[in-house]
Amino acid sequence: IMSKITRDPRLDFLFNAILTLQDVDECYEFFEDLCTVSELQEMSRRLVAARMLMNNHIYSDIAEKTGLSTATISRVNKCYEYGAGGYRTVLHRLYGGKEKKADKKD
């Protein structure tokens, strides 16, 4: 069973701050100040892995394209399949619930 993030006023503050961002440029500015480059790259690789899992890619392909370990891919898959639904919500909103072919940068 996946552990849930406990609601916290500081997390609410963070998430509400993120919801104020109006475009990709503002996201770059905010997240450059908030996160390290490696943290952002790791989060983006996990989201790409979730998209590839949605498109039924196998772990070895995902590992090759993203640089993630199979253990991390397994965790992303567990969250995608049985988690809170965050990956599915975002991917559905990005792609309308349709499969999205991997970009060349995957």
C-alpha atoms as a PDB file:
ATOM      1  CA  ILE A   1       0.000   0.000   0.000  1.00  0.00           C
ATOM      2  CA  MET A   2       1.350   3.396  -0.992  1.00  0.00           C
ATOM      3  CA  SER A   3       1.837   5.891   1.833  1.00  0.00           C
ATOM      4  CA  LYS A   4      -0.086   9.124   1.467  1.00  0.00           C
ATOM      5  CA  ILE A   5       1.391  12.569   1.855  1.00  0.00           C
ATOM      6  CA  THR A   6      -0.018  14.112   5.023  1.00  0.00           C
ATOM      7  CA  ARG A   7      -1.778  17.426   4.467  1.00  0.00           C
ATOM      8  CA  ASP A   8       0.343  20.194   5.858  1.00  0.00           C
ATOM      9  CA  PRO A   9      -0.021  24.001   5.714  1.00  0.00           C
ATOM     10  CA  ARG A  10       3.488  24.314   4.257  1.00  0.00           C
ATOM     11  CA  LEU A  11       2.664  21.882   1.463  1.00  0.00           C
ATOM     12  CA  ASP A  12      -0.612  23.700   0.841  1.00  0.00           C
ATOM     13  CA  PHE A  13       1.426  26.924   0.562  1.00  0.00           C
ATOM     14  CA  LEU A  14       3.802  25.293  -1.945  1.00  0.00           C
ATOM     15  CA  PHE A  15       1.024  23.785  -4.053  1.00  0.00           C
ATOM     16  CA  ASN A  16      -0.962  27.028  -4.037  1.00  0.00           C
ATOM     17  CA  ALA A  17       2.183  28.877  -5.129  1.00  0.00           C
ATOM     18  CA  ILE A  18       2.623  26.432  -8.027  1.00  0.00           C
ATOM     19  CA  LEU A  19      -1.007  26.951  -9.033  1.00  0.00           C
ATOM     20  CA  THR A  20      -0.319  30.691  -9.473  1.00  0.00           C
ATOM     21  CA  LEU A  21       2.194  30.058 -12.266  1.00  0.00           C
ATOM     22  CA  GLN A  22       0.728  31.125 -15.584  1.00  0.00           C
ATOM     23  CA  ASP A  23       3.072  29.738 -18.230  1.00  0.00           C
ATOM     24  CA  VAL A  24       6.124  27.587 -18.853  1.00  0.00           C
ATOM     25  CA  ASP A  25       8.494  30.562 -18.521  1.00  0.00           C
ATOM     26  CA  GLU A  26       7.158  31.295 -15.025  1.00  0.00           C
ATOM     27  CA  CYS A  27       7.568  27.605 -14.177  1.00  0.00           C
ATOM     28  CA  TYR A  28      11.213  27.705 -15.281  1.00  0.00           C
ATOM     29  CA  GLU A  29      11.835  30.797 -13.142  1.00  0.00           C
ATOM     30  CA  PHE A  30      10.128  29.428 -10.027  1.00  0.00           C
ATOM     31  CA  PHE A  31      11.498  25.905 -10.205  1.00  0.00           C
ATOM     32  CA  GLU A  32      15.011  27.164 -10.973  1.00  0.00           C
ATOM     33  CA  ASP A  33      14.861  29.032  -7.674  1.00  0.00           C
ATOM     34  CA  LEU A  34      13.154  26.192  -5.789  1.00  0.00           C
ATOM     35  CA  CYS A  35      14.913  23.037  -7.015  1.00  0.00           C
ATOM     36  CA  THR A  36      18.316  21.869  -8.104  1.00  0.00           C
ATOM     37  CA  VAL A  37      18.815  20.949 -11.749  1.00  0.00           C
ATOM     38  CA  SER A  38      19.168  17.284 -10.775  1.00  0.00           C
ATOM     39  CA  GLU A  39      15.883  17.342  -8.801  1.00  0.00           C
ATOM     40  CA  LEU A  40      14.032  18.788 -11.791  1.00  0.00           C
ATOM     41  CA  GLN A  41      15.627  16.308 -14.178  1.00  0.00           C
ATOM     42  CA  GLU A  42      14.650  13.421 -11.898  1.00  0.00           C
ATOM     43  CA  MET A  43      11.022  14.583 -11.699  1.00  0.00           C
ATOM     44  CA  SER A  44      10.849  15.034 -15.472  1.00  0.00           C
ATOM     45  CA  ARG A  45      12.345  11.560 -16.063  1.00  0.00           C
ATOM     46  CA  ARG A  46       9.699  10.037 -13.769  1.00  0.00           C
ATOM     47  CA  LEU A  47       6.901  11.773 -15.650  1.00  0.00           C
ATOM     48  CA  VAL A  48       8.341  10.591 -18.986  1.00  0.00           C
ATOM     49  CA  ALA A  49       8.498   7.066 -17.529  1.00  0.00           C
ATOM     50  CA  ALA A  50       4.827   7.302 -16.531  1.00  0.00           C
ATOM     51  CA  ARG A  51       3.939   8.402 -20.052  1.00  0.00           C
ATOM     52  CA  MET A  52       5.932   5.510 -21.494  1.00  0.00           C
ATOM     53  CA  LEU A  53       4.195   3.090 -19.102  1.00  0.00           C
ATOM     54  CA  MET A  54       0.862   4.502 -20.268  1.00  0.00           C
ATOM     55  CA  ASN A  55       1.991   3.635 -23.803  1.00  0.00           C
ATOM     56  CA  ASN A  56       2.921   0.074 -22.731  1.00  0.00           C
ATOM     57  CA  HIS A  57       6.679   0.401 -23.090  1.00  0.00           C
ATOM     58  CA  ILE A  58       8.786  -2.220 -21.352  1.00  0.00           C
ATOM     59  CA  TYR A  59      11.079  -1.372 -18.457  1.00  0.00           C
ATOM     60  CA  SER A  60      14.296  -1.862 -20.432  1.00  0.00           C
ATOM     61  CA  ASP A  61      13.172   0.654 -23.074  1.00  0.00           C
ATOM     62  CA  ILE A  62      12.147   3.130 -20.394  1.00  0.00           C
ATOM     63  CA  ALA A  63      15.465   2.705 -18.585  1.00  0.00           C
ATOM     64  CA  GLU A  64      17.386   3.233 -21.818  1.00  0.00           C
ATOM     65  CA  LYS A  65      15.413   6.363 -22.794  1.00  0.00           C
ATOM     66  CA  THR A  66      15.238   8.000 -19.345  1.00  0.00           C
ATOM     67  CA  GLY A  67      18.333   6.792 -17.516  1.00  0.00           C
ATOM     68  CA  LEU A  68      16.153   5.676 -14.590  1.00  0.00           C
ATOM     69  CA  SER A  69      16.878   2.446 -12.757  1.00  0.00           C
ATOM     70  CA  THR A  70      14.388  -0.378 -13.123  1.00  0.00           C
ATOM     71  CA  ALA A  71      13.688  -0.006  -9.376  1.00  0.00           C
ATOM     72  CA  THR A  72      12.617   3.608  -9.907  1.00  0.00           C
ATOM     73  CA  ILE A  73      10.575   2.630 -12.958  1.00  0.00           C
ATOM     74  CA  SER A  74       8.880  -0.034 -10.851  1.00  0.00           C
ATOM     75  CA  ARG A  75       8.007   2.583  -8.248  1.00  0.00           C
ATOM     76  CA  VAL A  76       6.630   4.921 -10.934  1.00  0.00           C
ATOM     77  CA  ASN A  77       4.589   2.010 -12.293  1.00  0.00           C
ATOM     78  CA  LYS A  78       3.229   1.197  -8.834  1.00  0.00           C
ATOM     79  CA  CYS A  79       2.222   4.837  -8.391  1.00  0.00           C
ATOM     80  CA  TYR A  80       0.749   4.965 -11.902  1.00  0.00           C
ATOM     81  CA  GLU A  81      -1.284   1.794 -11.345  1.00  0.00           C
ATOM     82  CA  TYR A  82      -2.197   2.000  -7.651  1.00  0.00           C
ATOM     83  CA  GLY A  83      -1.236   5.446  -6.382  1.00  0.00           C
ATOM     84  CA  ALA A  84      -3.242   8.579  -5.734  1.00  0.00           C
ATOM     85  CA  GLY A  85      -3.963   9.087  -9.444  1.00  0.00           C
ATOM     86  CA  GLY A  86      -1.695  12.078  -9.984  1.00  0.00           C
ATOM     87  CA  TYR A  87       0.171  10.660 -12.973  1.00  0.00           C
ATOM     88  CA  ARG A  88      -3.083   9.604 -14.645  1.00  0.00           C
ATOM     89  CA  THR A  89      -4.698  13.010 -14.037  1.00  0.00           C
ATOM     90  CA  VAL A  90      -1.796  14.932 -15.520  1.00  0.00           C
ATOM     91  CA  LEU A  91      -1.272  12.599 -18.473  1.00  0.00           C
ATOM     92  CA  HIS A  92      -4.988  12.574 -19.242  1.00  0.00           C
ATOM     93  CA  ARG A  93      -5.061  16.373 -19.202  1.00  0.00           C
ATOM     94  CA  LEU A  94      -1.972  16.607 -21.395  1.00  0.00           C
ATOM     95  CA  TYR A  95      -3.063  13.993 -23.912  1.00  0.00           C
ATOM     96  CA  GLY A  96      -6.816  13.673 -23.522  1.00  0.00           C
ATOM     97  CA  GLY A  97      -6.529  10.057 -22.383  1.00  0.00           C
ATOM     98  CA  LYS A  98      -4.987   9.039 -25.698  1.00  0.00           C
ATOM     99  CA  GLU A  99      -1.672   7.356 -26.142  1.00  0.00           C
ATOM    100  CA  LYS A 100       1.132   9.771 -26.866  1.00  0.00           C
ATOM    101  CA  LYS A 101       4.023   8.564 -28.933  1.00  0.00           C
ATOM    102  CA  ALA A 102       7.358   9.151 -27.251  1.00  0.00           C
ATOM    103  CA  ASP A 103       9.079  12.365 -28.229  1.00  0.00           C
ATOM    104  CA  LYS A 104      12.563  12.126 -29.676  1.00  0.00           C
ATOM    105  CA  LYS A 105      13.886  13.577 -26.406  1.00  0.00           C
ATOM    106  CA  ASP A 106      12.466  10.661 -24.381  1.00  0.00           C
END
